[in-house]
PDB file of N, CA and C in Angstrom:
ATOM      1  N   MET A   1      89.459 106.015  95.403  1.00  0.00           N
ATOM      2  CA  MET A   1      90.239 107.114  94.864  1.00  0.00           C
ATOM      3  C   MET A   1      90.288 106.950  93.342  1.00  0.00           C
ATOM      4  N   LEU A   2      89.975 108.002  92.628  1.00  0.00           N
ATOM      5  CA  LEU A   2      89.972 107.951  91.171  1.00  0.00           C
ATOM      6  C   LEU A   2      91.388 108.003  90.622  1.00  0.00           C
ATOM      7  N   GLY A   3      91.576 107.400  89.458  1.00  0.00           N
ATOM      8  CA  GLY A   3      92.871 107.396  88.796  1.00  0.00           C
ATOM      9  C   GLY A   3      93.119 108.684  88.038  1.00  0.00           C
ATOM     10  N   GLU A   4      94.053 108.609  87.120  1.00  0.00           N
ATOM     11  CA  GLU A   4      94.480 109.792  86.369  1.00  0.00           C
ATOM     12  C   GLU A   4      93.439 110.240  85.355  1.00  0.00           C
ATOM     13  N   THR A   5      93.402 111.545  85.140  1.00  0.00           N
ATOM     14  CA  THR A   5      92.624 112.101  84.046  1.00  0.00           C
ATOM     15  C   THR A   5      93.609 112.581  82.989  1.00  0.00           C
ATOM     16  N   GLU A   6      93.127 112.774  81.792  1.00  0.00           N
ATOM     17  CA  GLU A   6      93.986 113.213  80.692  1.00  0.00           C
ATOM     18  C   GLU A   6      94.534 114.599  81.000  1.00  0.00           C
ATOM     19  N   GLU A   7      95.856 114.736  80.959  1.00  0.00           N
ATOM     20  CA  GLU A   7      96.536 116.013  81.191  1.00  0.00           C
ATOM     21  C   GLU A   7      96.206 116.622  82.550  1.00  0.00           C
ATOM     22  N   ASP A   8      95.960 115.768  83.554  1.00  0.00           N
ATOM     23  CA  ASP A   8      95.679 116.221  84.916  1.00  0.00           C
ATOM     24  C   ASP A   8      94.533 117.229  84.990  1.00  0.00           C
ATOM     25  N   GLN A   9      93.565 117.101  84.104  1.00  0.00           N
ATOM     26  CA  GLN A   9      92.466 118.057  84.071  1.00  0.00           C
ATOM     27  C   GLN A   9      91.319 117.589  84.954  1.00  0.00           C
ATOM     28  N   LYS A  10      90.479 118.520  85.361  1.00  0.00           N
ATOM     29  CA  LYS A  10      89.254 118.133  86.032  1.00  0.00           C
ATOM     30  C   LYS A  10      88.223 117.834  84.953  1.00  0.00           C
ATOM     31  N   ILE A  11      87.304 116.962  85.275  1.00  0.00           N
ATOM     32  CA  ILE A  11      86.231 116.606  84.359  1.00  0.00           C
ATOM     33  C   ILE A  11      84.947 117.177  84.939  1.00  0.00           C
ATOM     34  N   PHE A  12      84.246 117.982  84.180  1.00  0.00           N
ATOM     35  CA  PHE A  12      82.995 118.569  84.655  1.00  0.00           C
ATOM     36  C   PHE A  12      81.845 117.683  84.196  1.00  0.00           C
ATOM     37  N   LEU A  13      81.184 117.042  85.156  1.00  0.00           N
ATOM     38  CA  LEU A  13      80.036 116.202  84.845  1.00  0.00           C
ATOM     39  C   LEU A  13      78.783 117.052  84.784  1.00  0.00           C
ATOM     40  N   LYS A  14      77.951 116.774  83.804  1.00  0.00           N
ATOM     41  CA  LYS A  14      76.648 117.414  83.695  1.00  0.00           C
ATOM     42  C   LYS A  14      75.587 116.371  84.016  1.00  0.00           C
ATOM     43  N   THR A  15      74.446 116.811  84.475  1.00  0.00           N
ATOM     44  CA  THR A  15      73.351 115.896  84.768  1.00  0.00           C
ATOM     45  C   THR A  15      73.054 115.045  83.540  1.00  0.00           C
ATOM     46  N   GLY A  16      73.016 113.732  83.725  1.00  0.00           N
ATOM     47  CA  GLY A  16      72.753 112.806  82.622  1.00  0.00           C
ATOM     48  C   GLY A  16      73.993 112.237  81.972  1.00  0.00           C
ATOM     49  N   ASP A  17      75.174 112.813  82.238  1.00  0.00           N
ATOM     50  CA  ASP A  17      76.414 112.263  81.683  1.00  0.00           C
ATOM     51  C   ASP A  17      76.648 110.859  82.215  1.00  0.00           C
ATOM     52  N   LYS A  18      77.152 109.990  81.360  1.00  0.00           N
ATOM     53  CA  LYS A  18      77.495 108.629  81.753  1.00  0.00           C
ATOM     54  C   LYS A  18      79.001 108.563  82.004  1.00  0.00           C
ATOM     55  N   LEU A  19      79.383 107.843  83.042  1.00  0.00           N
ATOM     56  CA  LEU A  19      80.781 107.666  83.416  1.00  0.00           C
ATOM     57  C   LEU A  19      80.997 106.193  83.710  1.00  0.00           C
ATOM     58  N   THR A  20      82.049 105.628  83.139  1.00  0.00           N
ATOM     59  CA  THR A  20      82.405 104.238  83.408  1.00  0.00           C
ATOM     60  C   THR A  20      83.597 104.213  84.349  1.00  0.00           C
ATOM     61  N   LEU A  21      83.437 103.510  85.467  1.00  0.00           N
ATOM     62  CA  LEU A  21      84.515 103.327  86.431  1.00  0.00           C
ATOM     63  C   LEU A  21      85.078 101.929  86.231  1.00  0.00           C
ATOM     64  N   VAL A  22      86.405 101.835  86.166  1.00  0.00           N
ATOM     65  CA  VAL A  22      87.082 100.571  85.902  1.00  0.00           C
ATOM     66  C   VAL A  22      87.987 100.261  87.079  1.00  0.00           C
ATOM     67  N   CYS A  23      87.954  99.007  87.551  1.00  0.00           N
ATOM     68  CA  CYS A  23      88.820  98.608  88.666  1.00  0.00           C
ATOM     69  C   CYS A  23      90.282  98.805  88.308  1.00  0.00           C
ATOM     70  N   GLY A  24      91.044  99.334  89.241  1.00  0.00           N
ATOM     71  CA  GLY A  24      92.461  99.586  89.040  1.00  0.00           C
ATOM     72  C   GLY A  24      93.272  98.343  88.790  1.00  0.00           C
ATOM     73  N   GLU A  25      92.799  97.170  89.252  1.00  0.00           N
ATOM     74  CA  GLU A  25      93.520  95.923  89.055  1.00  0.00           C
ATOM     75  C   GLU A  25      93.261  95.320  87.671  1.00  0.00           C
ATOM     76  N   ASN A  26      92.270  95.845  86.971  1.00  0.00           N
ATOM     77  CA  ASN A  26      91.919  95.356  85.645  1.00  0.00           C
ATOM     78  C   ASN A  26      92.921  95.876  84.622  1.00  0.00           C
ATOM     79  N   PRO A  27      93.200  95.134  83.557  1.00  0.00           N
ATOM     80  CA  PRO A  27      94.120  95.635  82.527  1.00  0.00           C
ATOM     81  C   PRO A  27      93.720  96.979  81.933  1.00  0.00           C
ATOM     82  N   ALA A  28      92.454  97.329  81.983  1.00  0.00           N
ATOM     83  CA  ALA A  28      92.007  98.619  81.440  1.00  0.00           C
ATOM     84  C   ALA A  28      92.372  99.772  82.360  1.00  0.00           C
ATOM     85  N   LYS A  29      93.067  99.507  83.453  1.00  0.00           N
ATOM     86  CA  LYS A  29      93.368 100.563  84.416  1.00  0.00           C
ATOM     87  C   LYS A  29      94.175 101.705  83.827  1.00  0.00           C
ATOM     88  N   ARG A  30      94.821 101.473  82.722  1.00  0.00           N
ATOM     89  CA  ARG A  30      95.628 102.525  82.102  1.00  0.00           C
ATOM     90  C   ARG A  30      94.777 103.529  81.329  1.00  0.00           C
ATOM     91  N   THR A  31      93.492 103.261  81.216  1.00  0.00           N
ATOM     92  CA  THR A  31      92.591 104.158  80.507  1.00  0.00           C
ATOM     93  C   THR A  31      92.487 105.481  81.251  1.00  0.00           C
ATOM     94  N   LYS A  32      92.673 106.566  80.551  1.00  0.00           N
ATOM     95  CA  LYS A  32      92.546 107.887  81.162  1.00  0.00           C
ATOM     96  C   LYS A  32      91.215 108.499  80.761  1.00  0.00           C
ATOM     97  N   CYS A  33      90.670 109.282  81.654  1.00  0.00           N
ATOM     98  CA  CYS A  33      89.396 109.934  81.413  1.00  0.00           C
ATOM     99  C   CYS A  33      89.623 111.266  80.726  1.00  0.00           C
ATOM    100  N   SER A  34      88.814 111.553  79.756  1.00  0.00           N
ATOM    101  CA  SER A  34      88.846 112.863  79.115  1.00  0.00           C
ATOM    102  C   SER A  34      87.402 113.295  78.903  1.00  0.00           C
ATOM    103  N   LYS A  35      87.202 114.472  78.408  1.00  0.00           N
ATOM    104  CA  LYS A  35      85.846 114.949  78.178  1.00  0.00           C
ATOM    105  C   LYS A  35      85.118 114.104  77.137  1.00  0.00           C
ATOM    106  N   ARG A  36      85.860 113.470  76.253  1.00  0.00           N
ATOM    107  CA  ARG A  36      85.251 112.631  75.235  1.00  0.00           C
ATOM    108  C   ARG A  36      85.135 111.177  75.683  1.00  0.00           C
ATOM    109  N   ASN A  37      86.034 110.723  76.516  1.00  0.00           N
ATOM    110  CA  ASN A  37      86.090 109.337  76.964  1.00  0.00           C
ATOM    111  C   ASN A  37      85.835 109.310  78.463  1.00  0.00           C
ATOM    112  N   MET A  38      84.592 109.211  78.867  1.00  0.00           N
ATOM    113  CA  MET A  38      84.243 109.280  80.280  1.00  0.00           C
ATOM    114  C   MET A  38      84.463 107.916  80.943  1.00  0.00           C
ATOM    115  N   LYS A  39      85.708 107.496  80.986  1.00  0.00           N
ATOM    116  CA  LYS A  39      86.094 106.250  81.633  1.00  0.00           C
ATOM    117  C   LYS A  39      87.305 106.538  82.490  1.00  0.00           C
ATOM    118  N   ILE A  40      87.259 106.083  83.737  1.00  0.00           N
ATOM    119  CA  ILE A  40      88.353 106.360  84.644  1.00  0.00           C
ATOM    120  C   ILE A  40      88.555 105.181  85.590  1.00  0.00           C
ATOM    121  N   SER A  41      89.786 104.947  85.968  1.00  0.00           N
ATOM    122  CA  SER A  41      90.074 103.839  86.874  1.00  0.00           C
ATOM    123  C   SER A  41      89.817 104.254  88.323  1.00  0.00           C
ATOM    124  N   VAL A  42      89.580 103.248  89.148  1.00  0.00           N
ATOM    125  CA  VAL A  42      89.425 103.444  90.581  1.00  0.00           C
ATOM    126  C   VAL A  42      90.608 102.749  91.245  1.00  0.00           C
ATOM    127  N   LYS A  43      91.445 103.507  91.905  1.00  0.00           N
ATOM    128  CA  LYS A  43      92.641 102.954  92.529  1.00  0.00           C
ATOM    129  C   LYS A  43      92.265 102.035  93.684  1.00  0.00           C
ATOM    130  N   GLN A  44      93.075 101.021  93.891  1.00  0.00           N
ATOM    131  CA  GLN A  44      92.920 100.067  94.991  1.00  0.00           C
ATOM    132  C   GLN A  44      91.585  99.347  94.959  1.00  0.00           C
ATOM    133  N   CYS A  45      91.038  99.136  93.775  1.00  0.00           N
ATOM    134  CA  CYS A  45      89.787  98.405  93.599  1.00  0.00           C
ATOM    135  C   CYS A  45      90.131  97.041  93.013  1.00  0.00           C
ATOM    136  N   LYS A  46      89.616  95.988  93.619  1.00  0.00           N
ATOM    137  CA  LYS A  46      89.869  94.643  93.104  1.00  0.00           C
ATOM    138  C   LYS A  46      88.690  94.118  92.281  1.00  0.00           C
ATOM    139  N   SER A  47      87.477  94.509  92.634  1.00  0.00           N
ATOM    140  CA  SER A  47      86.294  94.136  91.862  1.00  0.00           C
ATOM    141  C   SER A  47      85.111  94.974  92.315  1.00  0.00           C
ATOM    142  N   PHE A  48      84.045  94.908  91.541  1.00  0.00           N
ATOM    143  CA  PHE A  48      82.795  95.588  91.883  1.00  0.00           C
ATOM    144  C   PHE A  48      81.721  94.564  92.251  1.00  0.00           C
ATOM    145  N   ASN A  49      82.124  93.410  92.781  1.00  0.00           N
ATOM    146  CA  ASN A  49      81.187  92.339  93.114  1.00  0.00           C
ATOM    147  C   ASN A  49      80.125  92.751  94.126  1.00  0.00           C
ATOM    148  N   ASN A  50      80.397  93.700  94.993  1.00  0.00           N
ATOM    149  CA  ASN A  50      79.448  94.105  96.030  1.00  0.00           C
ATOM    150  C   ASN A  50      78.681  95.374  95.678  1.00  0.00           C
ATOM    151  N   VAL A  51      78.679  95.759  94.405  1.00  0.00           N
ATOM    152  CA  VAL A  51      77.996  96.974  93.944  1.00  0.00           C
ATOM    153  C   VAL A  51      76.695  96.567  93.263  1.00  0.00           C
ATOM    154  N   ASN A  52      75.627  97.307  93.518  1.00  0.00           N
ATOM    155  CA  ASN A  52      74.311  96.965  92.972  1.00  0.00           C
ATOM    156  C   ASN A  52      73.759  98.050  92.058  1.00  0.00           C
ATOM    157  N   VAL A  53      73.103  97.614  90.984  1.00  0.00           N
ATOM    158  CA  VAL A  53      72.391  98.527  90.093  1.00  0.00           C
ATOM    159  C   VAL A  53      71.334  99.260  90.921  1.00  0.00           C
ATOM    160  N   GLY A  54      71.202 100.557  90.704  1.00  0.00           N
ATOM    161  CA  GLY A  54      70.222 101.370  91.411  1.00  0.00           C
ATOM    162  C   GLY A  54      70.783 102.066  92.647  1.00  0.00           C
ATOM    163  N   SER A  55      71.973 101.651  93.089  1.00  0.00           N
ATOM    164  CA  SER A  55      72.593 102.360  94.210  1.00  0.00           C
ATOM    165  C   SER A  55      73.373 103.563  93.664  1.00  0.00           C
ATOM    166  N   TYR A  56      74.034 104.305  94.545  1.00  0.00           N
ATOM    167  CA  TYR A  56      74.689 105.540  94.137  1.00  0.00           C
ATOM    168  C   TYR A  56      76.165 105.541  94.497  1.00  0.00           C
ATOM    169  N   ILE A  57      76.926 106.288  93.695  1.00  0.00           N
ATOM    170  CA  ILE A  57      78.329 106.575  93.962  1.00  0.00           C
ATOM    171  C   ILE A  57      78.416 108.084  94.134  1.00  0.00           C
ATOM    172  N   PHE A  58      79.196 108.517  95.111  1.00  0.00           N
ATOM    173  CA  PHE A  58      79.349 109.942  95.375  1.00  0.00           C
ATOM    174  C   PHE A  58      80.782 110.377  95.094  1.00  0.00           C
ATOM    175  N   PHE A  59      80.926 111.548  94.484  1.00  0.00           N
ATOM    176  CA  PHE A  59      82.221 112.129  94.157  1.00  0.00           C
ATOM    177  C   PHE A  59      82.361 113.474  94.864  1.00  0.00           C
ATOM    178  N   ASP A  60      83.584 113.970  94.933  1.00  0.00           N
ATOM    179  CA  ASP A  60      83.870 115.303  95.463  1.00  0.00           C
ATOM    180  C   ASP A  60      83.231 115.514  96.835  1.00  0.00           C
ATOM    181  N   MET A  61      83.621 114.639  97.769  1.00  0.00           N
ATOM    182  CA  MET A  61      83.154 114.738  99.157  1.00  0.00           C
ATOM    183  C   MET A  61      81.625 114.696  99.252  1.00  0.00           C
ATOM    184  N   GLY A  62      80.991 113.972  98.349  1.00  0.00           N
ATOM    185  CA  GLY A  62      79.549 113.774  98.397  1.00  0.00           C
ATOM    186  C   GLY A  62      78.727 114.800  97.659  1.00  0.00           C
ATOM    187  N   SER A  63      79.360 115.778  97.022  1.00  0.00           N
ATOM    188  CA  SER A  63      78.592 116.834  96.361  1.00  0.00           C
ATOM    189  C   SER A  63      78.046 116.417  94.995  1.00  0.00           C
ATOM    190  N   ILE A  64      78.580 115.343  94.405  1.00  0.00           N
ATOM    191  CA  ILE A  64      78.104 114.852  93.114  1.00  0.00           C
ATOM    192  C   ILE A  64      77.618 113.419  93.305  1.00  0.00           C
ATOM    193  N   ARG A  65      76.414 113.151  92.852  1.00  0.00           N
ATOM    194  CA  ARG A  65      75.819 111.827  92.987  1.00  0.00           C
ATOM    195  C   ARG A  65      75.619 111.222  91.610  1.00  0.00           C
ATOM    196  N   ALA A  66      75.952 109.934  91.488  1.00  0.00           N
ATOM    197  CA  ALA A  66      75.758 109.215  90.230  1.00  0.00           C
ATOM    198  C   ALA A  66      75.060 107.892  90.517  1.00  0.00           C
ATOM    199  N   GLU A  67      74.019 107.604  89.759  1.00  0.00           N
ATOM    200  CA  GLU A  67      73.283 106.350  89.920  1.00  0.00           C
ATOM    201  C   GLU A  67      73.951 105.249  89.106  1.00  0.00           C
ATOM    202  N   ILE A  68      74.077 104.080  89.695  1.00  0.00           N
ATOM    203  CA  ILE A  68      74.695 102.932  89.018  1.00  0.00           C
ATOM    204  C   ILE A  68      73.674 102.300  88.084  1.00  0.00           C
ATOM    205  N   LEU A  69      74.046 102.198  86.795  1.00  0.00           N
ATOM    206  CA  LEU A  69      73.161 101.656  85.770  1.00  0.00           C
ATOM    207  C   LEU A  69      73.516 100.228  85.377  1.00  0.00           C
ATOM    208  N   GLN A  70      74.812  99.932  85.327  1.00  0.00           N
ATOM    209  CA  GLN A  70      75.291  98.600  84.922  1.00  0.00           C
ATOM    210  C   GLN A  70      76.493  98.238  85.771  1.00  0.00           C
ATOM    211  N   VAL A  71      76.600  96.951  86.085  1.00  0.00           N
ATOM    212  CA  VAL A  71      77.725  96.476  86.882  1.00  0.00           C
ATOM    213  C   VAL A  71      78.211  95.153  86.312  1.00  0.00           C
ATOM    214  N   ASP A  72      79.525  95.012  86.209  1.00  0.00           N
ATOM    215  CA  ASP A  72      80.116  93.690  86.053  1.00  0.00           C
ATOM    216  C   ASP A  72      81.309  93.640  87.001  1.00  0.00           C
ATOM    217  N   GLU A  73      82.034  92.577  87.000  1.00  0.00           N
ATOM    218  CA  GLU A  73      83.082  92.397  87.997  1.00  0.00           C
ATOM    219  C   GLU A  73      84.119  93.512  87.998  1.00  0.00           C
ATOM    220  N   PHE A  74      84.448  94.054  86.813  1.00  0.00           N
ATOM    221  CA  PHE A  74      85.543  95.011  86.728  1.00  0.00           C
ATOM    222  C   PHE A  74      85.161  96.408  86.275  1.00  0.00           C
ATOM    223  N   GLN A  75      83.888  96.662  86.025  1.00  0.00           N
ATOM    224  CA  GLN A  75      83.503  98.030  85.674  1.00  0.00           C
ATOM    225  C   GLN A  75      82.067  98.320  86.059  1.00  0.00           C
ATOM    226  N   VAL A  76      81.811  99.615  86.273  1.00  0.00           N
ATOM    227  CA  VAL A  76      80.492 100.116  86.644  1.00  0.00           C
ATOM    228  C   VAL A  76      80.180 101.289  85.727  1.00  0.00           C
ATOM    229  N   VAL A  77      78.975 101.309  85.176  1.00  0.00           N
ATOM    230  CA  VAL A  77      78.511 102.452  84.393  1.00  0.00           C
ATOM    231  C   VAL A  77      77.513 103.200  85.266  1.00  0.00           C
ATOM    232  N   CYS A  78      77.737 104.510  85.415  1.00  0.00           N
ATOM    233  CA  CYS A  78      76.831 105.309  86.236  1.00  0.00           C
ATOM    234  C   CYS A  78      76.437 106.581  85.482  1.00  0.00           C
ATOM    235  N   GLU A  79      75.374 107.218  85.969  1.00  0.00           N
ATOM    236  CA  GLU A  79      74.842 108.431  85.350  1.00  0.00           C
ATOM    237  C   GLU A  79      74.794 109.536  86.398  1.00  0.00           C
ATOM    238  N   ALA A  80      75.378 110.675  86.064  1.00  0.00           N
ATOM    239  CA  ALA A  80      75.416 111.816  86.979  1.00  0.00           C
ATOM    240  C   ALA A  80      74.003 112.333  87.234  1.00  0.00           C
ATOM    241  N   GLN A  81      73.685 112.554  88.503  1.00  0.00           N
ATOM    242  CA  GLN A  81      72.377 113.064  88.906  1.00  0.00           C
ATOM    243  C   GLN A  81      72.398 114.572  89.124  1.00  0.00           C
ATOM    244  N   ASN A  82      73.595 115.134  89.199  1.00  0.00           N
ATOM    245  CA  ASN A  82      73.754 116.581  89.320  1.00  0.00           C
ATOM    246  C   ASN A  82      75.100 116.963  88.719  1.00  0.00           C
ATOM    247  N   GLU A  83      75.368 118.258  88.645  1.00  0.00           N
ATOM    248  CA  GLU A  83      76.574 118.738  87.967  1.00  0.00           C
ATOM    249  C   GLU A  83      77.705 119.057  88.941  1.00  0.00           C
ATOM    250  N   GLY A  84      78.911 118.990  88.404  1.00  0.00           N
ATOM    251  CA  GLY A  84      80.085 119.382  89.187  1.00  0.00           C
ATOM    252  C   GLY A  84      81.342 118.743  88.657  1.00  0.00           C
ATOM    253  N   PRO A  85      82.499 119.210  89.125  1.00  0.00           N
ATOM    254  CA  PRO A  85      83.781 118.685  88.657  1.00  0.00           C
ATOM    255  C   PRO A  85      84.225 117.459  89.457  1.00  0.00           C
ATOM    256  N   ILE A  86      84.923 116.556  88.782  1.00  0.00           N
ATOM    257  CA  ILE A  86      85.615 115.480  89.473  1.00  0.00           C
ATOM    258  C   ILE A  86      87.080 115.601  89.116  1.00  0.00           C
ATOM    259  N   TYR A  87      87.923 115.173  90.011  1.00  0.00           N
ATOM    260  CA  TYR A  87      89.367 115.315  89.858  1.00  0.00           C
ATOM    261  C   TYR A  87      90.019 113.961  90.031  1.00  0.00           C
ATOM    262  N   GLU A  88      91.225 113.812  89.484  1.00  0.00           N
ATOM    263  CA  GLU A  88      91.969 112.602  89.752  1.00  0.00           C
ATOM    264  C   GLU A  88      92.440 112.602  91.199  1.00  0.00           C
ATOM    265  N   ASN A  89      92.699 111.418  91.670  1.00  0.00           N
ATOM    266  CA  ASN A  89      93.149 111.196  93.064  1.00  0.00           C
ATOM    267  C   ASN A  89      92.160 111.719  94.061  1.00  0.00           C
TER     268      ASN A  89
END
């Protein structure tokens, strides 16, 4: 489940946009996503230890696909493969 976005807005991802997901347990969890700062927390996430580069994350009931480009224990950088909105929670 995604964390809060700035001003409860939806974020419209375009193909090629980069998004950083941050574990909710990490101190950076307070980071809010905005159109300029594509970083958002993932609620109830303790680590990304089981996530692999080259795999995919799906948003909005599977309608948006993002390829994982970089992984460390507490954050994942991914790139949108198609367009669409993402929402908090």
